[in-house]
């Protein structure tokens, strides 16, 4: 195990989970702020929140599964093209592999020797790594991404929804905004820690865009509430 403690192995599910949680907090928080500002009663607010949570979680799962599957299809198609090329013109592919190693700073003689050894070990894997940039770490996992995104969305959406349930009527808007912002701060911090990145830039990023979304939605809700 590397002593550096790399976090790159987490990028697949961490990206999906961060996106899901952020979307859950922001979309549900914004929705609730909007309907509260429009003057909707408690049962209507809860119904809107639950509908948003359910629809959002399934939408995130479907979206992640479809998008990551599409990525996997492209990767598999490129691998198949590379496999056919290796069968049809192995010498050209060997030279191409050696030239790629040279471009990365390996001397011509050594590059050809390394290319030979890599080809003998696993030609397709060598070309997948050197030409296509594909490794085991970059492989697409549609189901993992879908589950991580849906689960994180449900948790993220549940926090502002819970604040509506527990807060008194006069404090609903403030409670949703406060809980949503606290959730975004926690998301930024946890995501940064799990990814081994600086905490404050991550927090500021998610809080800024979340606050902007909720402010715009509240304005729209108040506008339509007045118009109605």
Protein backbone atom coordinates (compact mmCIF):
# COMPACT_ATOMS: atom_id res chain seq x y z
CA UNK A 1 0.00 0.00 0.00
CA UNK A 2 1.47 3.43 -0.96
CA UNK A 3 2.77 5.41 2.00
CA UNK A 4 1.47 8.65 0.45
CA UNK A 5 -2.14 7.65 1.16
CA UNK A 6 -3.64 8.53 -2.22
CA UNK A 7 -7.36 9.26 -2.52
CA UNK A 8 -7.76 8.77 -6.29
CA UNK A 9 -9.45 5.40 -5.76
CA UNK A 10 -12.42 7.24 -4.23
CA UNK A 11 -13.12 9.59 -7.12
CA UNK A 12 -15.81 7.43 -8.75
CA UNK A 13 -18.25 7.13 -5.86
CA UNK A 14 -17.12 10.35 -4.15
CA UNK A 15 -17.94 12.47 -7.20
CA UNK A 16 -21.38 10.86 -7.50
CA UNK A 17 -22.09 11.13 -3.77
CA UNK A 18 -20.97 14.76 -3.58
CA UNK A 19 -23.10 15.67 -6.57
CA UNK A 20 -26.09 13.83 -5.13
CA UNK A 21 -25.81 15.33 -1.66
CA UNK A 22 -25.26 18.83 -2.99
CA UNK A 23 -28.21 18.54 -5.35
CA UNK A 24 -30.39 17.11 -2.57
CA UNK A 25 -29.60 19.95 -0.18
CA UNK A 26 -29.82 22.75 -2.73
CA UNK A 27 -32.81 21.58 -4.78
CA UNK A 28 -34.92 20.52 -1.79
CA UNK A 29 -33.89 23.50 0.32
CA UNK A 30 -34.65 25.85 -2.56
CA UNK A 31 -37.98 24.13 -3.22
CA UNK A 32 -39.01 24.40 0.43
CA UNK A 33 -37.94 28.04 0.71
CA UNK A 34 -39.93 28.79 -2.42
CA UNK A 35 -43.16 27.09 -1.30
CA UNK A 36 -42.89 28.57 2.19
CA UNK A 37 -42.41 32.02 0.68
CA UNK A 38 -45.47 31.41 -1.52
CA UNK A 39 -47.56 30.87 1.63
CA UNK A 40 -48.29 27.17 1.25
CA UNK A 41 -49.62 25.37 4.33
CA UNK A 42 -47.65 22.77 6.30
CA UNK A 43 -49.17 19.70 4.63
CA UNK A 44 -48.54 21.14 1.19
CA UNK A 45 -44.95 22.00 2.11
CA UNK A 46 -44.28 18.48 3.37
CA UNK A 47 -45.89 16.93 0.30
CA UNK A 48 -43.79 19.10 -2.00
CA UNK A 49 -40.65 18.23 -0.03
CA UNK A 50 -41.31 14.49 -0.04
CA UNK A 51 -42.12 14.55 -3.74
CA UNK A 52 -38.93 16.47 -4.42
CA UNK A 53 -36.88 14.03 -2.34
CA UNK A 54 -38.33 10.93 -3.98
CA UNK A 55 -38.23 12.21 -7.52
CA UNK A 56 -34.78 13.70 -7.06
CA UNK A 57 -33.23 10.53 -5.63
CA UNK A 58 -34.55 8.37 -8.47
CA UNK A 59 -33.62 11.01 -11.03
CA UNK A 60 -30.06 11.20 -9.72
CA UNK A 61 -29.75 7.41 -9.75
CA UNK A 62 -31.06 7.16 -13.30
CA UNK A 63 -28.96 10.07 -14.50
CA UNK A 64 -25.75 8.72 -13.01
CA UNK A 65 -26.41 5.21 -14.28
CA UNK A 66 -27.14 6.38 -17.81
CA UNK A 67 -24.25 8.85 -18.01
CA UNK A 68 -21.65 6.51 -16.52
CA UNK A 69 -22.94 3.66 -18.70
CA UNK A 70 -22.50 5.89 -21.75
CA UNK A 71 -18.94 6.59 -20.62
CA UNK A 72 -18.34 2.86 -20.19
CA UNK A 73 -19.71 2.20 -23.68
CA UNK A 74 -17.27 4.69 -25.19
CA UNK A 75 -14.37 3.15 -23.27
CA UNK A 76 -15.32 -0.38 -24.32
CA UNK A 77 -15.72 0.69 -27.94
CA UNK A 78 -12.24 2.24 -27.91
CA UNK A 79 -10.79 -0.90 -26.33
CA UNK A 80 -12.41 -3.03 -29.04
CA UNK A 81 -10.94 -0.79 -31.75
CA UNK A 82 -7.54 -1.10 -30.11
CA UNK A 83 -7.87 -4.90 -29.91
CA UNK A 84 -8.67 -5.09 -33.63
CA UNK A 85 -5.75 -2.78 -34.47
CA UNK A 86 -3.39 -5.03 -32.50
CA UNK A 87 -4.58 -8.05 -34.47
CA UNK A 88 -4.36 -6.35 -37.85
CA UNK A 89 -1.06 -4.47 -37.52
CA UNK A 90 0.89 -5.46 -34.42
CA UNK A 91 4.15 -3.88 -35.67
CA UNK A 92 2.57 -0.48 -36.16
CA UNK A 93 0.98 -0.62 -32.72
CA UNK A 94 4.32 -1.60 -31.18
CA UNK A 95 6.00 1.38 -32.83
CA UNK A 96 3.16 3.63 -31.70
CA UNK A 97 3.58 2.44 -28.13
CA UNK A 98 7.34 3.06 -28.25
CA UNK A 99 6.83 6.56 -29.69
CA UNK A 100 4.41 7.34 -26.89
CA UNK A 101 7.02 6.33 -24.32
CA UNK A 102 9.64 8.45 -26.10
CA UNK A 103 7.31 11.45 -25.94
CA UNK A 104 7.26 10.99 -22.18
CA UNK A 105 11.04 11.21 -21.92
CA UNK A 106 12.24 7.62 -22.43
CA UNK A 107 15.20 7.15 -24.80
CA UNK A 108 14.43 5.55 -28.18
CA UNK A 109 16.27 2.30 -27.49
CA UNK A 110 14.82 1.83 -24.03
CA UNK A 111 11.35 2.87 -25.23
CA UNK A 112 11.34 0.08 -27.81
CA UNK A 113 12.59 -2.44 -25.25
CA UNK A 114 9.91 -1.40 -22.77
CA UNK A 115 7.26 -1.47 -25.50
CA UNK A 116 8.26 -5.04 -26.37
CA UNK A 117 8.06 -6.17 -22.74
CA UNK A 118 4.73 -4.42 -22.14
CA UNK A 119 3.30 -5.98 -25.29
CA UNK A 120 4.42 -9.45 -24.29
CA UNK A 121 2.88 -9.02 -20.84
CA UNK A 122 -0.49 -7.61 -21.95
CA UNK A 123 -0.64 -5.71 -25.23
CA UNK A 124 -4.20 -4.44 -24.88
CA UNK A 125 -3.67 -3.24 -21.32
CA UNK A 126 -0.49 -1.44 -22.36
CA UNK A 127 -2.22 0.44 -25.16
CA UNK A 128 -5.26 1.15 -23.00
CA UNK A 129 -3.03 2.84 -20.45
CA UNK A 130 -0.61 4.63 -22.78
CA UNK A 131 -2.92 5.64 -25.63
CA UNK A 132 -6.34 5.90 -24.05
CA UNK A 133 -5.41 6.74 -20.47
CA UNK A 134 -7.59 3.91 -19.16
CA UNK A 135 -6.68 2.08 -15.97
CA UNK A 136 -8.52 0.05 -13.37
CA UNK A 137 -8.98 3.28 -11.39
CA UNK A 138 -10.60 5.10 -14.31
CA UNK A 139 -12.99 2.26 -15.11
CA UNK A 140 -16.68 3.17 -15.13
CA UNK A 141 -18.97 1.66 -12.49
CA UNK A 142 -22.55 2.72 -13.33
CA UNK A 143 -24.30 0.92 -10.47
CA UNK A 144 -21.88 2.21 -7.84
CA UNK A 145 -22.32 5.78 -9.09
CA UNK A 146 -26.12 5.45 -9.21
CA UNK A 147 -26.44 4.09 -5.67
CA UNK A 148 -23.99 6.59 -4.19
CA UNK A 149 -25.74 9.51 -5.85
CA UNK A 150 -29.28 8.43 -4.90
CA UNK A 151 -28.37 7.65 -1.29
CA UNK A 152 -26.50 10.93 -0.85
CA UNK A 153 -29.35 12.88 -2.45
CA UNK A 154 -31.89 11.37 -0.06
CA UNK A 155 -29.75 12.24 2.96
CA UNK A 156 -29.07 15.75 1.70
CA UNK A 157 -32.73 16.39 0.89
CA UNK A 158 -33.89 14.95 4.19
CA UNK A 159 -32.10 17.59 6.27
CA UNK A 160 -34.00 20.71 5.09
CA UNK A 161 -37.20 18.67 5.02
CA UNK A 162 -36.66 17.68 8.65
CA UNK A 163 -36.21 21.34 9.57
CA UNK A 164 -39.68 22.10 8.16
CA UNK A 165 -41.20 19.33 10.25
CA UNK A 166 -39.58 20.47 13.49
CA UNK A 167 -39.59 24.26 13.16
CA UNK A 168 -42.51 26.46 14.27
CA UNK A 169 -44.49 28.08 11.45
CA UNK A 170 -42.95 31.54 11.86
CA UNK A 171 -39.41 30.11 11.70
CA UNK A 172 -39.83 27.75 8.74
CA UNK A 173 -38.02 29.81 6.12
CA UNK A 174 -35.17 30.66 8.48
CA UNK A 175 -34.91 27.06 9.64
CA UNK A 176 -34.70 25.72 6.09
CA UNK A 177 -32.05 28.27 5.12
CA UNK A 178 -30.01 27.70 8.28
CA UNK A 179 -30.13 23.91 8.12
CA UNK A 180 -29.40 23.89 4.38
CA UNK A 181 -26.35 26.11 4.84
CA UNK A 182 -25.08 24.02 7.74
CA UNK A 183 -25.57 20.90 5.63
CA UNK A 184 -23.64 22.50 2.76
CA UNK A 185 -20.80 23.44 5.09
CA UNK A 186 -20.69 19.87 6.39
CA UNK A 187 -20.79 18.50 2.84
CA UNK A 188 -17.92 20.70 1.72
CA UNK A 189 -15.82 19.74 4.73
CA UNK A 190 -16.52 16.00 4.54
CA UNK A 191 -16.04 15.89 0.77
CA UNK A 192 -12.71 17.70 1.06
CA UNK A 193 -11.53 15.40 3.84
CA UNK A 194 -12.48 12.26 1.93
CA UNK A 195 -10.76 13.58 -1.17
CA UNK A 196 -7.68 14.85 0.64
CA UNK A 197 -8.20 18.43 -0.63
CA UNK A 198 -8.29 21.85 1.13
CA UNK A 199 -11.44 22.29 3.19
CA UNK A 200 -12.27 25.99 2.95
CA UNK A 201 -12.35 26.32 -0.85
CA UNK A 202 -14.75 23.36 -0.98
CA UNK A 203 -16.98 24.88 1.71
CA UNK A 204 -17.07 28.31 0.09
CA UNK A 205 -17.86 26.80 -3.30
CA UNK A 206 -20.88 24.79 -2.21
CA UNK A 207 -22.24 27.46 0.16
CA UNK A 208 -22.05 30.23 -2.45
CA UNK A 209 -23.96 28.37 -5.13
CA UNK A 210 -26.41 26.89 -2.66
CA UNK A 211 -27.21 30.30 -1.17
CA UNK A 212 -27.65 31.80 -4.63
CA UNK A 213 -30.07 29.04 -5.67
CA UNK A 214 -32.17 29.39 -2.52
CA UNK A 215 -32.26 33.19 -2.79
CA UNK A 216 -33.50 33.06 -6.39
CA UNK A 217 -36.10 30.39 -5.57
CA UNK A 218 -37.36 32.33 -2.54
CA UNK A 219 -37.77 35.43 -4.70
CA UNK A 220 -39.73 33.47 -7.30
CA UNK A 221 -41.90 31.85 -4.62
CA UNK A 222 -42.66 35.21 -3.01
CA UNK A 223 -43.44 36.75 -6.40
CA UNK A 224 -45.89 34.03 -7.36
CA UNK A 225 -47.34 33.95 -3.85
CA UNK A 226 -48.13 37.66 -4.10
CA UNK A 227 -49.51 37.26 -7.62
CA UNK A 228 -51.81 34.45 -6.51
